[in-house]
C-alpha atoms as a PDB file:
ATOM      1  CA  MET A   1      24.259  15.889  58.184  1.00  0.00           C
ATOM      2  CA  ALA A   2      24.367  18.479  55.395  1.00  0.00           C
ATOM      3  CA  GLY A   3      24.883  22.133  56.327  1.00  0.00           C
ATOM      4  CA  ILE A   4      23.919  25.389  54.685  1.00  0.00           C
ATOM      5  CA  LYS A   5      27.309  25.574  52.909  1.00  0.00           C
ATOM      6  CA  ASP A   6      26.620  22.181  51.316  1.00  0.00           C
ATOM      7  CA  VAL A   7      23.262  23.434  50.068  1.00  0.00           C
ATOM      8  CA  ALA A   8      24.841  26.591  48.659  1.00  0.00           C
ATOM      9  CA  LYS A   9      27.528  24.577  46.846  1.00  0.00           C
ATOM     10  CA  ALA A  10      24.987  22.114  45.411  1.00  0.00           C
ATOM     11  CA  ALA A  11      22.743  24.930  44.213  1.00  0.00           C
ATOM     12  CA  GLY A  12      25.613  27.048  42.881  1.00  0.00           C
ATOM     13  CA  VAL A  13      24.698  30.084  44.990  1.00  0.00           C
ATOM     14  CA  SER A  14      26.026  31.931  48.013  1.00  0.00           C
ATOM     15  CA  VAL A  15      25.229  30.990  51.600  1.00  0.00           C
ATOM     16  CA  SER A  16      23.333  34.264  51.985  1.00  0.00           C
ATOM     17  CA  THR A  17      21.117  33.387  49.000  1.00  0.00           C
ATOM     18  CA  VAL A  18      20.215  30.075  50.601  1.00  0.00           C
ATOM     19  CA  SER A  19      19.369  31.943  53.799  1.00  0.00           C
ATOM     20  CA  TYR A  20      17.183  34.423  51.917  1.00  0.00           C
ATOM     21  CA  VAL A  21      15.284  31.646  50.119  1.00  0.00           C
ATOM     22  CA  LEU A  22      14.596  29.801  53.368  1.00  0.00           C
ATOM     23  CA  SER A  23      13.747  32.887  55.414  1.00  0.00           C
ATOM     24  CA  GLY A  24      11.825  34.811  52.770  1.00  0.00           C
ATOM     25  CA  LYS A  25      13.535  38.032  53.825  1.00  0.00           C
ATOM     26  CA  ARG A  26      14.408  39.015  50.256  1.00  0.00           C
ATOM     27  CA  SER A  27      12.854  38.409  46.878  1.00  0.00           C
ATOM     28  CA  ILE A  28      14.728  35.694  44.998  1.00  0.00           C
ATOM     29  CA  SER A  29      13.988  34.635  41.418  1.00  0.00           C
ATOM     30  CA  ASN A  30      11.882  31.531  41.022  1.00  0.00           C
ATOM     31  CA  LYS A  31      14.653  29.814  39.064  1.00  0.00           C
ATOM     32  CA  THR A  32      17.210  30.376  41.818  1.00  0.00           C
ATOM     33  CA  ALA A  33      14.761  29.500  44.583  1.00  0.00           C
ATOM     34  CA  ASP A  34      13.895  26.242  42.805  1.00  0.00           C
ATOM     35  CA  ARG A  35      17.600  25.309  42.634  1.00  0.00           C
ATOM     36  CA  VAL A  36      18.015  25.999  46.337  1.00  0.00           C
ATOM     37  CA  LEU A  37      14.907  24.049  47.338  1.00  0.00           C
ATOM     38  CA  ASP A  38      15.935  21.160  45.110  1.00  0.00           C
ATOM     39  CA  ALA A  39      19.309  21.068  46.874  1.00  0.00           C
ATOM     40  CA  VAL A  40      17.608  21.236  50.264  1.00  0.00           C
ATOM     41  CA  ASN A  41      15.475  18.260  49.264  1.00  0.00           C
ATOM     42  CA  ARG A  42      18.316  16.187  47.818  1.00  0.00           C
ATOM     43  CA  LEU A  43      20.574  16.776  50.817  1.00  0.00           C
ATOM     44  CA  ASN A  44      17.782  16.459  53.384  1.00  0.00           C
ATOM     45  CA  TYR A  45      18.978  19.736  54.863  1.00  0.00           C
ATOM     46  CA  ILE A  46      17.141  21.002  57.942  1.00  0.00           C
ATOM     47  CA  PRO A  47      18.150  24.372  59.459  1.00  0.00           C
ATOM     48  CA  ASP A  48      19.187  24.043  63.092  1.00  0.00           C
ATOM     49  CA  ALA A  49      16.733  24.967  65.818  1.00  0.00           C
ATOM     50  CA  SER A  50      18.585  28.133  66.832  1.00  0.00           C
ATOM     51  CA  ALA A  51      18.396  29.480  63.281  1.00  0.00           C
ATOM     52  CA  ARG A  52      14.680  28.801  63.133  1.00  0.00           C
ATOM     53  CA  LYS A  53      14.223  30.458  66.511  1.00  0.00           C
ATOM     54  CA  MET A  54      16.213  33.514  65.407  1.00  0.00           C
ATOM     55  CA  ARG A  55      14.006  33.928  62.363  1.00  0.00           C
ATOM     56  CA  GLY A  56      10.929  33.583  64.530  1.00  0.00           C
ATOM     57  CA  HIS A  57       8.576  34.882  61.851  1.00  0.00           C
ATOM     58  CA  LEU A  58       5.858  33.205  59.814  1.00  0.00           C
ATOM     59  CA  SER A  59       6.566  32.058  56.290  1.00  0.00           C
ATOM     60  CA  HIS A  60       2.908  32.621  55.351  1.00  0.00           C
ATOM     61  CA  VAL A  61       2.929  29.349  53.453  1.00  0.00           C
ATOM     62  CA  ILE A  62       0.606  26.383  53.954  1.00  0.00           C
ATOM     63  CA  ALA A  63       1.882  22.962  52.864  1.00  0.00           C
ATOM     64  CA  ILE A  64      -0.689  20.791  51.096  1.00  0.00           C
ATOM     65  CA  ALA A  65      -0.059  17.047  51.067  1.00  0.00           C
ATOM     66  CA  PRO A  66      -2.410  15.530  48.461  1.00  0.00           C
ATOM     67  CA  GLY A  67      -1.944  11.816  49.181  1.00  0.00           C
ATOM     68  CA  ARG A  68      -1.650   9.069  46.592  1.00  0.00           C
ATOM     69  CA  ARG A  69      -3.893  10.350  43.820  1.00  0.00           C
ATOM     70  CA  GLU A  70      -2.915  13.003  41.305  1.00  0.00           C
ATOM     71  CA  VAL A  71      -4.247  16.483  41.986  1.00  0.00           C
ATOM     72  CA  ARG A  72      -5.839  16.585  38.540  1.00  0.00           C
ATOM     73  CA  HIS A  73      -8.380  13.992  39.740  1.00  0.00           C
ATOM     74  CA  SER A  74     -11.693  15.881  39.655  1.00  0.00           C
ATOM     75  CA  SER A  75     -12.739  15.791  43.314  1.00  0.00           C
ATOM     76  CA  LEU A  76      -9.196  16.089  44.684  1.00  0.00           C
ATOM     77  CA  SER A  77      -8.578  19.036  42.381  1.00  0.00           C
ATOM     78  CA  ALA A  78     -11.636  20.762  43.838  1.00  0.00           C
ATOM     79  CA  TYR A  79     -10.279  20.357  47.376  1.00  0.00           C
ATOM     80  CA  PHE A  80      -6.847  21.612  46.343  1.00  0.00           C
ATOM     81  CA  MET A  81      -8.250  24.691  44.627  1.00  0.00           C
ATOM     82  CA  GLN A  82     -10.591  25.528  47.494  1.00  0.00           C
ATOM     83  CA  THR A  83      -7.771  25.116  50.023  1.00  0.00           C
ATOM     84  CA  ALA A  84      -5.528  27.392  47.957  1.00  0.00           C
ATOM     85  CA  LEU A  85      -8.279  30.016  47.641  1.00  0.00           C
ATOM     86  CA  ARG A  86      -9.045  29.975  51.371  1.00  0.00           C
ATOM     87  CA  ALA A  87      -5.345  30.184  52.203  1.00  0.00           C
ATOM     88  CA  LYS A  88      -4.880  33.120  49.845  1.00  0.00           C
ATOM     89  CA  ALA A  89      -7.834  34.904  51.398  1.00  0.00           C
ATOM     90  CA  GLY A  90      -6.091  34.533  54.762  1.00  0.00           C
ATOM     91  CA  GLY A  91      -2.833  35.941  53.423  1.00  0.00           C
ATOM     92  CA  TYR A  92      -1.032  32.639  52.803  1.00  0.00           C
ATOM     93  CA  ASP A  93       0.449  30.969  49.754  1.00  0.00           C
ATOM     94  CA  VAL A  94       0.385  27.191  49.327  1.00  0.00           C
ATOM     95  CA  LEU A  95       3.170  24.694  48.733  1.00  0.00           C
ATOM     96  CA  LEU A  96       2.107  21.460  47.020  1.00  0.00           C
ATOM     97  CA  LEU A  97       4.107  18.475  48.263  1.00  0.00           C
ATOM     98  CA  THR A  98       4.767  15.833  45.625  1.00  0.00           C
ATOM     99  CA  GLY A  99       7.598  13.727  47.076  1.00  0.00           C
ATOM    100  CA  GLU A 100       7.471   9.937  46.928  1.00  0.00           C
ATOM    101  CA  ASP A 101       7.517   9.667  50.739  1.00  0.00           C
ATOM    102  CA  PRO A 102       4.703  11.935  51.967  1.00  0.00           C
ATOM    103  CA  VAL A 103       5.753  11.891  55.632  1.00  0.00           C
ATOM    104  CA  ASP A 104       9.365  12.790  54.835  1.00  0.00           C
ATOM    105  CA  ASP A 105       8.086  15.514  52.527  1.00  0.00           C
ATOM    106  CA  ILE A 106       6.017  17.062  55.310  1.00  0.00           C
ATOM    107  CA  LEU A 107       8.839  16.735  57.854  1.00  0.00           C
ATOM    108  CA  ARG A 108      11.245  18.488  55.499  1.00  0.00           C
ATOM    109  CA  VAL A 109       9.127  21.574  54.908  1.00  0.00           C
ATOM    110  CA  ALA A 110       7.778  21.781  58.453  1.00  0.00           C
ATOM    111  CA  GLN A 111      11.073  21.369  60.277  1.00  0.00           C
ATOM    112  CA  SER A 112      12.900  23.717  57.907  1.00  0.00           C
ATOM    113  CA  ASN A 113      10.244  26.377  58.550  1.00  0.00           C
ATOM    114  CA  LEU A 114       9.196  26.490  54.895  1.00  0.00           C
ATOM    115  CA  ALA A 115       5.539  26.185  55.957  1.00  0.00           C
ATOM    116  CA  ASP A 116       3.531  27.321  58.976  1.00  0.00           C
ATOM    117  CA  GLY A 117       0.934  24.556  58.832  1.00  0.00           C
ATOM    118  CA  VAL A 118      -0.073  21.428  56.958  1.00  0.00           C
ATOM    119  CA  VAL A 119      -3.285  20.332  55.224  1.00  0.00           C
ATOM    120  CA  LEU A 120      -3.724  16.647  54.389  1.00  0.00           C
ATOM    121  CA  LEU A 121      -5.961  15.738  51.434  1.00  0.00           C
ATOM    122  CA  ASP A 122      -7.242  12.373  50.159  1.00  0.00           C
ATOM    123  CA  VAL A 123      -7.033  10.907  53.643  1.00  0.00           C
ATOM    124  CA  GLU A 124      -7.105   7.132  54.049  1.00  0.00           C
ATOM    125  CA  GLU A 125      -8.712   5.260  56.923  1.00  0.00           C
ATOM    126  CA  ASN A 126      -5.284   4.277  58.276  1.00  0.00           C
ATOM    127  CA  ASP A 127      -3.268   7.296  57.216  1.00  0.00           C
ATOM    128  CA  LEU A 128       0.393   7.397  58.240  1.00  0.00           C
ATOM    129  CA  ARG A 129       0.579  11.143  57.577  1.00  0.00           C
ATOM    130  CA  ALA A 130      -2.068  11.805  60.218  1.00  0.00           C
ATOM    131  CA  ALA A 131      -0.660   9.227  62.632  1.00  0.00           C
ATOM    132  CA  ARG A 132       2.726  10.987  62.646  1.00  0.00           C
ATOM    133  CA  ALA A 133       1.401  14.544  62.887  1.00  0.00           C
ATOM    134  CA  ALA A 134       2.986  15.017  66.320  1.00  0.00           C
ATOM    135  CA  GLU A 135       6.414  14.934  64.651  1.00  0.00           C
ATOM    136  CA  TYR A 136       5.758  17.889  62.354  1.00  0.00           C
ATOM    137  CA  GLY A 137       6.016  20.633  64.954  1.00  0.00           C
ATOM    138  CA  LYS A 138       3.368  22.529  62.992  1.00  0.00           C
ATOM    139  CA  PRO A 139      -0.428  22.500  63.253  1.00  0.00           C
ATOM    140  CA  CYS A 140      -2.019  19.960  60.940  1.00  0.00           C
ATOM    141  CA  VAL A 141      -5.558  19.596  59.586  1.00  0.00           C
ATOM    142  CA  CYS A 142      -6.935  16.556  57.750  1.00  0.00           C
ATOM    143  CA  ILE A 143      -9.731  17.077  55.268  1.00  0.00           C
ATOM    144  CA  GLY A 144     -10.930  13.592  56.028  1.00  0.00           C
ATOM    145  CA  PHE A 145     -11.430  11.414  59.086  1.00  0.00           C
ATOM    146  CA  PRO A 146      -8.618   8.892  59.718  1.00  0.00           C
ATOM    147  CA  LYS A 147      -8.737   6.497  62.636  1.00  0.00           C
ATOM    148  CA  ASP A 148      -5.603   7.950  64.239  1.00  0.00           C
ATOM    149  CA  HIS A 149      -6.152  11.700  64.570  1.00  0.00           C
ATOM    150  CA  ASP A 150      -5.055  12.536  68.102  1.00  0.00           C
ATOM    151  CA  ASP A 151      -2.414  15.024  66.916  1.00  0.00           C
ATOM    152  CA  CYS A 152      -4.288  16.741  64.106  1.00  0.00           C
ATOM    153  CA  ALA A 153      -7.699  18.279  63.485  1.00  0.00           C
ATOM    154  CA  CYS A 154     -10.230  16.619  61.168  1.00  0.00           C
ATOM    155  CA  VAL A 155     -12.797  18.322  58.950  1.00  0.00           C
ATOM    156  CA  ASP A 156     -15.156  16.395  56.707  1.00  0.00           C
ATOM    157  CA  VAL A 157     -18.709  15.575  55.714  1.00  0.00           C
ATOM    158  CA  ASP A 158     -20.290  13.091  58.123  1.00  0.00           C
ATOM    159  CA  PHE A 159     -20.181  10.124  55.746  1.00  0.00           C
ATOM    160  CA  ALA A 160     -21.509   7.693  58.338  1.00  0.00           C
ATOM    161  CA  CYS A 161     -24.573   9.907  58.632  1.00  0.00           C
ATOM    162  CA  MET A 162     -24.755  10.086  54.830  1.00  0.00           C
ATOM    163  CA  GLY A 163     -24.939   6.291  54.641  1.00  0.00           C
ATOM    164  CA  ARG A 164     -27.860   6.176  57.050  1.00  0.00           C
ATOM    165  CA  LEU A 165     -29.702   9.006  55.288  1.00  0.00           C
ATOM    166  CA  ALA A 166     -29.258   7.323  51.893  1.00  0.00           C
ATOM    167  CA  ALA A 167     -30.717   4.057  53.221  1.00  0.00           C
ATOM    168  CA  ASP A 168     -33.644   5.923  54.782  1.00  0.00           C
ATOM    169  CA  ARG A 169     -34.420   7.820  51.587  1.00  0.00           C
ATOM    170  CA  LEU A 170     -34.443   4.720  49.406  1.00  0.00           C
ATOM    171  CA  ARG A 171     -36.389   2.570  51.857  1.00  0.00           C
ATOM    172  CA  ASP A 172     -39.036   5.304  52.197  1.00  0.00           C
ATOM    173  CA  LEU A 173     -39.476   5.025  48.425  1.00  0.00           C
ATOM    174  CA  GLY A 174     -40.047   1.281  48.688  1.00  0.00           C
ATOM    175  CA  HIS A 175     -36.649   0.120  47.459  1.00  0.00           C
ATOM    176  CA  GLU A 176     -35.782  -3.248  48.979  1.00  0.00           C
ATOM    177  CA  ARG A 177     -32.980  -4.284  46.589  1.00  0.00           C
ATOM    178  CA  VAL A 178     -30.214  -1.846  45.727  1.00  0.00           C
ATOM    179  CA  VAL A 179     -26.799  -2.140  44.105  1.00  0.00           C
ATOM    180  CA  LEU A 180     -23.785  -0.167  45.250  1.00  0.00           C
ATOM    181  CA  LEU A 181     -21.715   0.985  42.283  1.00  0.00           C
ATOM    182  CA  ARG A 182     -18.365   1.231  43.986  1.00  0.00           C
ATOM    183  CA  SER A 183     -15.343   3.317  43.108  1.00  0.00           C
ATOM    184  CA  VAL A 184     -13.383   1.588  40.356  1.00  0.00           C
ATOM    185  CA  GLU A 185     -10.459   3.943  39.931  1.00  0.00           C
ATOM    186  CA  HIS A 186      -7.559   2.751  42.055  1.00  0.00           C
ATOM    187  CA  LEU A 187      -7.825  -0.948  42.767  1.00  0.00           C
ATOM    188  CA  SER A 188      -4.103  -1.246  43.579  1.00  0.00           C
ATOM    189  CA  GLU A 189      -4.201   1.517  46.217  1.00  0.00           C
ATOM    190  CA  PRO A 190      -6.032   1.897  49.535  1.00  0.00           C
ATOM    191  CA  MET A 191      -9.368   3.614  49.079  1.00  0.00           C
ATOM    192  CA  SER A 192      -9.967   7.033  50.590  1.00  0.00           C
ATOM    193  CA  GLY A 193     -11.396   6.715  54.068  1.00  0.00           C
ATOM    194  CA  TYR A 194     -14.702   8.378  53.215  1.00  0.00           C
ATOM    195  CA  LEU A 195     -15.548   5.638  50.710  1.00  0.00           C
ATOM    196  CA  ASN A 196     -15.297   2.997  53.417  1.00  0.00           C
ATOM    197  CA  LEU A 197     -17.109   5.121  56.001  1.00  0.00           C
ATOM    198  CA  PHE A 198     -20.081   5.601  53.685  1.00  0.00           C
ATOM    199  CA  ARG A 199     -20.132   1.998  52.461  1.00  0.00           C
ATOM    200  CA  ASP A 200     -20.026   0.453  55.923  1.00  0.00           C
ATOM    201  CA  SER A 201     -22.676   2.794  57.282  1.00  0.00           C
ATOM    202  CA  PHE A 202     -24.975   2.373  54.281  1.00  0.00           C
ATOM    203  CA  ILE A 203     -24.824  -1.435  54.336  1.00  0.00           C
ATOM    204  CA  ALA A 204     -25.456  -1.587  58.084  1.00  0.00           C
ATOM    205  CA  ALA A 205     -28.384   0.835  57.848  1.00  0.00           C
ATOM    206  CA  ALA A 206     -29.850  -1.017  54.851  1.00  0.00           C
ATOM    207  CA  GLU A 207     -29.707  -4.334  56.680  1.00  0.00           C
ATOM    208  CA  ASP A 208     -31.494  -2.765  59.654  1.00  0.00           C
ATOM    209  CA  ARG A 209     -34.252  -1.739  57.244  1.00  0.00           C
ATOM    210  CA  GLN A 210     -34.521  -5.238  55.698  1.00  0.00           C
ATOM    211  CA  MET A 211     -32.959  -4.109  52.427  1.00  0.00           C
ATOM    212  CA  VAL A 212     -30.718  -6.274  50.250  1.00  0.00           C
ATOM    213  CA  VAL A 213     -27.510  -4.582  49.121  1.00  0.00           C
ATOM    214  CA  MET A 214     -25.522  -5.962  46.198  1.00  0.00           C
ATOM    215  CA  GLU A 215     -22.070  -4.584  45.450  1.00  0.00           C
ATOM    216  CA  SER A 216     -20.330  -4.230  42.122  1.00  0.00           C
ATOM    217  CA  GLU A 217     -16.918  -5.817  41.811  1.00  0.00           C
ATOM    218  CA  LEU A 218     -13.888  -3.662  42.443  1.00  0.00           C
ATOM    219  CA  THR A 219     -12.161  -3.292  39.086  1.00  0.00           C
ATOM    220  CA  GLU A 220      -9.753  -0.880  37.472  1.00  0.00           C
ATOM    221  CA  TYR A 221     -11.481   1.869  35.520  1.00  0.00           C
ATOM    222  CA  ARG A 222     -10.229   0.622  32.165  1.00  0.00           C
ATOM    223  CA  ASN A 223     -11.726  -2.814  32.877  1.00  0.00           C
ATOM    224  CA  PHE A 224     -15.167  -1.646  34.007  1.00  0.00           C
ATOM    225  CA  ASP A 225     -17.931  -3.128  31.853  1.00  0.00           C
ATOM    226  CA  ALA A 226     -21.161  -1.151  32.103  1.00  0.00           C
ATOM    227  CA  ASN A 227     -23.100  -3.696  30.033  1.00  0.00           C
ATOM    228  CA  ALA A 228     -22.080  -6.489  32.383  1.00  0.00           C
ATOM    229  CA  PHE A 229     -23.020  -4.354  35.400  1.00  0.00           C
ATOM    230  CA  VAL A 230     -26.523  -3.681  34.053  1.00  0.00           C
ATOM    231  CA  SER A 231     -27.011  -7.313  32.977  1.00  0.00           C
ATOM    232  CA  LYS A 232     -25.944  -8.709  36.321  1.00  0.00           C
ATOM    233  CA  TYR A 233     -27.598  -6.333  38.765  1.00  0.00           C
ATOM    234  CA  LEU A 234     -30.540  -4.643  37.024  1.00  0.00           C
ATOM    235  CA  ILE A 235     -32.016  -6.891  34.312  1.00  0.00           C
ATOM    236  CA  PRO A 236     -32.832 -10.014  36.388  1.00  0.00           C
ATOM    237  CA  LYS A 237     -36.346 -10.237  37.793  1.00  0.00           C
ATOM    238  CA  ASN A 238     -34.972 -10.003  41.319  1.00  0.00           C
ATOM    239  CA  GLY A 239     -32.472  -7.307  40.347  1.00  0.00           C
ATOM    240  CA  ALA A 240     -31.944  -3.988  42.047  1.00  0.00           C
ATOM    241  CA  THR A 241     -34.487  -1.198  41.709  1.00  0.00           C
ATOM    242  CA  ALA A 242     -31.976   1.482  42.723  1.00  0.00           C
ATOM    243  CA  ILE A 243     -28.316   2.275  42.150  1.00  0.00           C
ATOM    244  CA  VAL A 244     -26.269   3.951  44.858  1.00  0.00           C
ATOM    245  CA  ASN A 245     -23.241   5.408  43.148  1.00  0.00           C
ATOM    246  CA  GLN A 246     -19.805   5.985  44.673  1.00  0.00           C
ATOM    247  CA  ALA A 247     -17.906   5.868  41.395  1.00  0.00           C
ATOM    248  CA  ASP A 248     -16.427   8.634  39.285  1.00  0.00           C
ATOM    249  CA  PRO A 249     -18.952  10.568  37.140  1.00  0.00           C
ATOM    250  CA  SER A 250     -17.472   9.117  33.940  1.00  0.00           C
ATOM    251  CA  VAL A 251     -18.183   5.589  35.200  1.00  0.00           C
ATOM    252  CA  LEU A 252     -21.751   6.470  36.142  1.00  0.00           C
ATOM    253  CA  ASN A 253     -22.244   8.080  32.729  1.00  0.00           C
ATOM    254  CA  THR A 254     -21.364   4.817  30.981  1.00  0.00           C
ATOM    255  CA  VAL A 255     -23.984   2.993  33.083  1.00  0.00           C
ATOM    256  CA  LEU A 256     -26.587   5.646  32.271  1.00  0.00           C
ATOM    257  CA  GLY A 257     -25.793   5.211  28.579  1.00  0.00           C
ATOM    258  CA  VAL A 258     -26.404   1.457  28.731  1.00  0.00           C
ATOM    259  CA  LEU A 259     -29.657   1.999  30.647  1.00  0.00           C
ATOM    260  CA  SER A 260     -30.856   4.471  28.026  1.00  0.00           C
ATOM    261  CA  VAL A 261     -30.043   2.154  25.113  1.00  0.00           C
ATOM    262  CA  SER A 262     -31.740  -0.753  26.920  1.00  0.00           C
ATOM    263  CA  GLY A 263     -34.955   1.218  27.492  1.00  0.00           C
ATOM    264  CA  MET A 264     -34.503   1.242  31.282  1.00  0.00           C
ATOM    265  CA  ASP A 265     -35.586   4.763  32.070  1.00  0.00           C
ATOM    266  CA  VAL A 266     -34.318   6.654  35.104  1.00  0.00           C
ATOM    267  CA  PRO A 267     -36.126   6.935  37.470  1.00  0.00           C
ATOM    268  CA  GLN A 268     -39.157   4.948  36.181  1.00  0.00           C
ATOM    269  CA  TYR A 269     -37.280   1.657  35.864  1.00  0.00           C
ATOM    270  CA  VAL A 270     -34.362   2.285  38.227  1.00  0.00           C
ATOM    271  CA  SER A 271     -33.645   5.083  40.672  1.00  0.00           C
ATOM    272  CA  VAL A 272     -30.132   6.500  40.986  1.00  0.00           C
ATOM    273  CA  LEU A 273     -28.621   8.243  44.021  1.00  0.00           C
ATOM    274  CA  SER A 274     -24.991   9.373  43.923  1.00  0.00           C
ATOM    275  CA  CYS A 275     -23.212   9.763  47.272  1.00  0.00           C
ATOM    276  CA  GLY A 276     -19.893  11.371  48.154  1.00  0.00           C
ATOM    277  CA  THR A 277     -19.432  12.649  44.619  1.00  0.00           C
ATOM    278  CA  LEU A 278     -19.206  16.018  42.832  1.00  0.00           C
ATOM    279  CA  LEU A 279     -21.376  15.614  39.752  1.00  0.00           C
ATOM    280  CA  ASP A 280     -21.822  19.305  39.011  1.00  0.00           C
ATOM    281  CA  SER A 281     -18.160  19.379  37.928  1.00  0.00           C
ATOM    282  CA  TYR A 282     -18.827  16.850  35.154  1.00  0.00           C
ATOM    283  CA  PRO A 283     -21.115  16.950  32.077  1.00  0.00           C
ATOM    284  CA  MET A 284     -23.575  14.234  33.080  1.00  0.00           C
ATOM    285  CA  SER A 285     -25.887  12.770  30.439  1.00  0.00           C
ATOM    286  CA  LYS A 286     -28.803  13.013  32.881  1.00  0.00           C
ATOM    287  CA  GLY A 287     -29.519  14.865  36.106  1.00  0.00           C
ATOM    288  CA  ILE A 288     -28.713  12.598  39.053  1.00  0.00           C
ATOM    289  CA  SER A 289     -29.879  13.240  42.591  1.00  0.00           C
ATOM    290  CA  GLU A 290     -26.900  13.485  44.881  1.00  0.00           C
ATOM    291  CA  MET A 291     -25.534  13.714  48.397  1.00  0.00           C
ATOM    292  CA  PRO A 292     -22.367  15.532  47.358  1.00  0.00           C
ATOM    293  CA  ILE A 293     -19.025  16.308  48.878  1.00  0.00           C
ATOM    294  CA  THR A 294     -18.740  20.018  49.656  1.00  0.00           C
ATOM    295  CA  PRO A 295     -15.124  21.153  49.172  1.00  0.00           C
ATOM    296  CA  ALA A 296     -15.842  24.847  49.735  1.00  0.00           C
ATOM    297  CA  VAL A 297     -17.411  24.149  53.134  1.00  0.00           C
ATOM    298  CA  GLN A 298     -14.731  21.733  54.357  1.00  0.00           C
ATOM    299  CA  CYS A 299     -11.804  23.806  53.090  1.00  0.00           C
ATOM    300  CA  SER A 300     -13.182  26.975  54.675  1.00  0.00           C
ATOM    301  CA  ARG A 301     -13.559  25.222  58.033  1.00  0.00           C
ATOM    302  CA  ALA A 302     -10.150  23.584  57.736  1.00  0.00           C
ATOM    303  CA  MET A 303      -8.396  26.866  57.006  1.00  0.00           C
ATOM    304  CA  SER A 304     -10.217  28.606  59.835  1.00  0.00           C
ATOM    305  CA  LEU A 305      -8.950  25.971  62.265  1.00  0.00           C
ATOM    306  CA  LEU A 306      -5.433  26.031  60.847  1.00  0.00           C
ATOM    307  CA  LEU A 307      -5.037  29.816  60.871  1.00  0.00           C
ATOM    308  CA  GLY A 308      -6.391  29.928  64.404  1.00  0.00           C
ATOM    309  CA  ALA A 309      -3.665  27.489  65.415  1.00  0.00           C
ATOM    310  CA  ILE A 310      -0.936  29.363  63.525  1.00  0.00           C
ATOM    311  CA  GLU A 311      -1.809  32.936  64.441  1.00  0.00           C
ATOM    312  CA  GLU A 312      -3.592  32.591  67.773  1.00  0.00           C
ATOM    313  CA  HIS A 313      -1.886  29.407  69.002  1.00  0.00           C
ATOM    314  CA  HIS A 314      -5.133  27.474  69.428  1.00  0.00           C
ATOM    315  CA  ASP A 315      -4.599  23.811  70.249  1.00  0.00           C
ATOM    316  CA  ILE A 316      -6.531  22.019  67.514  1.00  0.00           C
ATOM    317  CA  ARG A 317      -5.160  18.530  68.131  1.00  0.00           C
ATOM    318  CA  GLY A 318      -7.930  15.954  68.196  1.00  0.00           C
ATOM    319  CA  GLU A 319     -10.661  18.375  67.065  1.00  0.00           C
ATOM    320  CA  VAL A 320     -13.292  16.848  64.763  1.00  0.00           C
ATOM    321  CA  ASP A 321     -15.672  18.940  62.664  1.00  0.00           C
ATOM    322  CA  LEU A 322     -18.179  16.845  60.675  1.00  0.00           C
ATOM    323  CA  SER A 323     -20.844  18.636  58.655  1.00  0.00           C
ATOM    324  CA  VAL A 324     -24.348  17.309  58.031  1.00  0.00           C
ATOM    325  CA  PRO A 325     -24.741  15.888  54.489  1.00  0.00           C
ATOM    326  CA  THR A 326     -26.808  17.824  51.984  1.00  0.00           C
ATOM    327  CA  PHE A 327     -29.196  16.428  49.369  1.00  0.00           C
ATOM    328  CA  ILE A 328     -29.685  17.762  45.846  1.00  0.00           C
ATOM    329  CA  ASP A 329     -32.824  16.556  44.067  1.00  0.00           C
ATOM    330  CA  ARG A 330     -32.235  16.295  40.315  1.00  0.00           C
ATOM    331  CA  GLY A 331     -35.176  14.004  39.605  1.00  0.00           C
ATOM    332  CA  SER A 332     -33.510  10.586  39.468  1.00  0.00           C
ATOM    333  CA  LEU A 333     -35.390   9.056  42.405  1.00  0.00           C
ATOM    334  CA  SER A 334     -38.894   7.619  42.414  1.00  0.00           C
ATOM    335  CA  ARG A 335     -40.827   4.865  44.144  1.00  0.00           C
ATOM    336  CA  ALA A 336     -39.634   1.338  43.446  1.00  0.00           C
ATOM    337  CA  ARG A 337     -41.321  -0.571  40.642  1.00  0.00           C
ATOM    338  CA  GLU A 338     -43.005  -2.941  43.084  1.00  0.00           C
ATOM    339  CA  ALA A 339     -44.189  -0.048  45.210  1.00  0.00           C
ATOM    340  CA  GLN A 340     -45.670   1.634  42.143  1.00  0.00           C
ATOM    341  CA  LYS A 341     -47.712  -1.516  41.549  1.00  0.00           C
ATOM    342  CA  GLY A 342     -48.821  -1.650  45.163  1.00  0.00           C
ATOM    343  CA  GLY A 343     -46.456  -4.471  46.105  1.00  0.00           C
ATOM    344  CA  CYS A 344     -44.787  -2.519  48.926  1.00  0.00           C
ATOM    345  CA  GLY A 345     -46.145  -0.461  51.708  1.00  0.00           C
END
């Protein structure tokens, strides 16, 4: 196993400089610190337990593990920024982990005392990062709700509740046939857990209310055909009278464009409800009613839990904090066409 002298040699610095970078006891230039941390990463160096115990102080750094998607993705970027802001307000900087193996990345920074706690973003239903949280030796919070969360806290919107509320809202407006416009961004990767939670809950609730739910095909973004979507699900006589959107705002915008060109007015011809999205961060061609994600709320709650664990030694393992979904009315919902004609009660 590599030692501190090996790190110093690889980084071209003294042993004391390596110690200062890892302990934070002295200000080191970013260029030098980057060389040291790169060497630590390449050599898989972990300071021994006695050294960590001797330091005994907080690094005042929170590690953020973003998952598979790039942080520039609109909704993930919002969560990252809100987490960073909440951490800064609590007196902590953030360290974005970008290694190819996310678990090894977390283990490296946690066990070397580079971070005091860990926040997991873009959480999948079966998320290995959450399942192995007991190994980190640091408190861990998921902004998401994985199946295996015994050793970490979870903070999220209650997407199962959102699915039921969406079905209720549409059925109350007389919609009996709806189409779910599913996420089309990352076909080759597991979908974020919240997408599945909402979908499963919505379909089950719709079936209980004698609604028919059609689902768009899962395709890569570049292959999505808005004209084909409208032709298949909305134009036929027995087509859907409402769209429930889970897709990225840019995808929904292309569908709205086809509807406009085809003379299918929203909401007179078709209602649109977007769920688990963040449309106010994107220039939509038309106001769309939404049950949004709420990054500011979840990140504030997540950081409150995490700092309580770090500074006051609260045991947050297994805690679950799910917030009630909100609804924003932007005028894209109306009674179904049949209901307007008196065909539905």
